[in-house]
């Protein structure tokens, strides 16, 4: 493997806010945000309506100290995230 850089853009200037990460010279693009920020992310990132893979993180309802993850794919990530947030 060759060395690469990851560029992380803090949309709000806050590390806990909306984070946009890209690997230089790659098509990989990741956006990290909280469920309450979904509407703003949809407005700022129209590409979210394209096909893609997404990862949802949360806590297990039966064991609140346990972190769980759900990995999904969709033809429109924005629509699918809206369904999850519903």
C-alpha atoms as a PDB file:
ATOM      1  CA  UNK A   1       0.000   0.000   0.000  1.00  0.00           C
ATOM      2  CA  UNK A   2       1.080   3.524  -0.666  1.00  0.00           C
ATOM      3  CA  UNK A   3       0.671   6.445   1.749  1.00  0.00           C
ATOM      4  CA  UNK A   4      -2.558   8.429   1.460  1.00  0.00           C
ATOM      5  CA  UNK A   5      -4.148  11.395   3.163  1.00  0.00           C
ATOM      6  CA  UNK A   6      -7.627  11.718   4.585  1.00  0.00           C
ATOM      7  CA  UNK A   7      -9.157  15.191   4.551  1.00  0.00           C
ATOM      8  CA  UNK A   8     -11.766  15.808   7.265  1.00  0.00           C
ATOM      9  CA  UNK A   9     -13.927  18.907   6.943  1.00  0.00           C
ATOM     10  CA  UNK A  10     -15.871  20.057  10.028  1.00  0.00           C
ATOM     11  CA  UNK A  11     -18.964  21.688   8.537  1.00  0.00           C
ATOM     12  CA  UNK A  12     -19.788  23.515  11.772  1.00  0.00           C
ATOM     13  CA  UNK A  13     -16.188  23.846  12.966  1.00  0.00           C
ATOM     14  CA  UNK A  14     -17.095  21.370  15.734  1.00  0.00           C
ATOM     15  CA  UNK A  15     -15.567  17.857  15.902  1.00  0.00           C
ATOM     16  CA  UNK A  16     -18.874  16.589  17.334  1.00  0.00           C
ATOM     17  CA  UNK A  17     -20.879  18.172  14.507  1.00  0.00           C
ATOM     18  CA  UNK A  18     -21.220  17.163  10.847  1.00  0.00           C
ATOM     19  CA  UNK A  19     -17.957  15.672   9.570  1.00  0.00           C
ATOM     20  CA  UNK A  20     -17.093  15.170   5.913  1.00  0.00           C
ATOM     21  CA  UNK A  21     -14.160  12.853   5.150  1.00  0.00           C
ATOM     22  CA  UNK A  22     -12.520  12.141   1.811  1.00  0.00           C
ATOM     23  CA  UNK A  23      -9.458  10.174   0.778  1.00  0.00           C
ATOM     24  CA  UNK A  24      -7.403  12.081  -1.765  1.00  0.00           C
ATOM     25  CA  UNK A  25      -7.383  10.662  -5.299  1.00  0.00           C
ATOM     26  CA  UNK A  26     -10.348   8.387  -4.458  1.00  0.00           C
ATOM     27  CA  UNK A  27     -14.116   8.238  -4.900  1.00  0.00           C
ATOM     28  CA  UNK A  28     -14.568   7.355  -1.215  1.00  0.00           C
ATOM     29  CA  UNK A  29     -16.621   9.982   0.620  1.00  0.00           C
ATOM     30  CA  UNK A  30     -17.963   9.627   4.163  1.00  0.00           C
ATOM     31  CA  UNK A  31     -20.263  11.945   6.094  1.00  0.00           C
ATOM     32  CA  UNK A  32     -20.728  11.438   9.833  1.00  0.00           C
ATOM     33  CA  UNK A  33     -23.613  13.093  11.661  1.00  0.00           C
ATOM     34  CA  UNK A  34     -26.299  12.598  14.292  1.00  0.00           C
ATOM     35  CA  UNK A  35     -29.868  11.645  13.422  1.00  0.00           C
ATOM     36  CA  UNK A  36     -31.120  15.130  14.333  1.00  0.00           C
ATOM     37  CA  UNK A  37     -28.795  16.610  11.679  1.00  0.00           C
ATOM     38  CA  UNK A  38     -30.227  14.575   8.777  1.00  0.00           C
ATOM     39  CA  UNK A  39     -32.308  17.413   7.267  1.00  0.00           C
ATOM     40  CA  UNK A  40     -29.315  19.757   7.205  1.00  0.00           C
ATOM     41  CA  UNK A  41     -27.066  17.077   5.710  1.00  0.00           C
ATOM     42  CA  UNK A  42     -29.626  16.419   2.946  1.00  0.00           C
ATOM     43  CA  UNK A  43     -29.606  20.136   2.108  1.00  0.00           C
ATOM     44  CA  UNK A  44     -25.805  20.460   2.106  1.00  0.00           C
ATOM     45  CA  UNK A  45     -25.039  17.187   0.304  1.00  0.00           C
ATOM     46  CA  UNK A  46     -27.342  16.540  -2.688  1.00  0.00           C
ATOM     47  CA  UNK A  47     -25.156  13.525  -3.582  1.00  0.00           C
ATOM     48  CA  UNK A  48     -26.706  11.781  -0.580  1.00  0.00           C
ATOM     49  CA  UNK A  49     -29.632  10.955  -2.887  1.00  0.00           C
ATOM     50  CA  UNK A  50     -27.336   8.644  -4.880  1.00  0.00           C
ATOM     51  CA  UNK A  51     -26.712   4.949  -4.262  1.00  0.00           C
ATOM     52  CA  UNK A  52     -24.370   4.090  -1.433  1.00  0.00           C
ATOM     53  CA  UNK A  53     -23.600   2.247   1.758  1.00  0.00           C
ATOM     54  CA  UNK A  54     -24.391   3.606   5.205  1.00  0.00           C
ATOM     55  CA  UNK A  55     -23.648   2.676   8.790  1.00  0.00           C
ATOM     56  CA  UNK A  56     -25.981   3.369  11.714  1.00  0.00           C
ATOM     57  CA  UNK A  57     -24.622   3.291  15.269  1.00  0.00           C
ATOM     58  CA  UNK A  58     -26.655   3.165  18.445  1.00  0.00           C
ATOM     59  CA  UNK A  59     -27.140   1.439  21.750  1.00  0.00           C
ATOM     60  CA  UNK A  60     -28.863  -1.905  22.262  1.00  0.00           C
ATOM     61  CA  UNK A  61     -32.320  -1.444  23.803  1.00  0.00           C
ATOM     62  CA  UNK A  62     -31.916  -4.537  26.001  1.00  0.00           C
ATOM     63  CA  UNK A  63     -28.323  -3.808  27.027  1.00  0.00           C
ATOM     64  CA  UNK A  64     -27.929   0.009  26.997  1.00  0.00           C
ATOM     65  CA  UNK A  65     -24.180  -0.171  27.635  1.00  0.00           C
ATOM     66  CA  UNK A  66     -23.698  -2.193  24.422  1.00  0.00           C
ATOM     67  CA  UNK A  67     -23.037  -0.358  21.144  1.00  0.00           C
ATOM     68  CA  UNK A  68     -24.601  -1.911  18.030  1.00  0.00           C
ATOM     69  CA  UNK A  69     -24.138  -1.211  14.323  1.00  0.00           C
ATOM     70  CA  UNK A  70     -26.366  -1.677  11.285  1.00  0.00           C
ATOM     71  CA  UNK A  71     -24.849  -1.670   7.802  1.00  0.00           C
ATOM     72  CA  UNK A  72     -27.141  -1.006   4.873  1.00  0.00           C
ATOM     73  CA  UNK A  73     -27.156  -0.108   1.217  1.00  0.00           C
ATOM     74  CA  UNK A  74     -29.665   1.865  -0.803  1.00  0.00           C
ATOM     75  CA  UNK A  75     -30.316   3.286  -4.244  1.00  0.00           C
ATOM     76  CA  UNK A  76     -30.941   6.610  -2.477  1.00  0.00           C
ATOM     77  CA  UNK A  77     -29.129   6.872   0.833  1.00  0.00           C
ATOM     78  CA  UNK A  78     -31.046  10.066   1.729  1.00  0.00           C
ATOM     79  CA  UNK A  79     -34.437   8.369   1.311  1.00  0.00           C
ATOM     80  CA  UNK A  80     -33.371   5.273   3.215  1.00  0.00           C
ATOM     81  CA  UNK A  81     -31.927   7.282   6.113  1.00  0.00           C
ATOM     82  CA  UNK A  82     -35.202   9.188   6.283  1.00  0.00           C
ATOM     83  CA  UNK A  83     -37.056   5.880   6.648  1.00  0.00           C
ATOM     84  CA  UNK A  84     -34.704   4.803   9.446  1.00  0.00           C
ATOM     85  CA  UNK A  85     -35.065   8.166  11.205  1.00  0.00           C
ATOM     86  CA  UNK A  86     -38.870   8.028  10.803  1.00  0.00           C
END
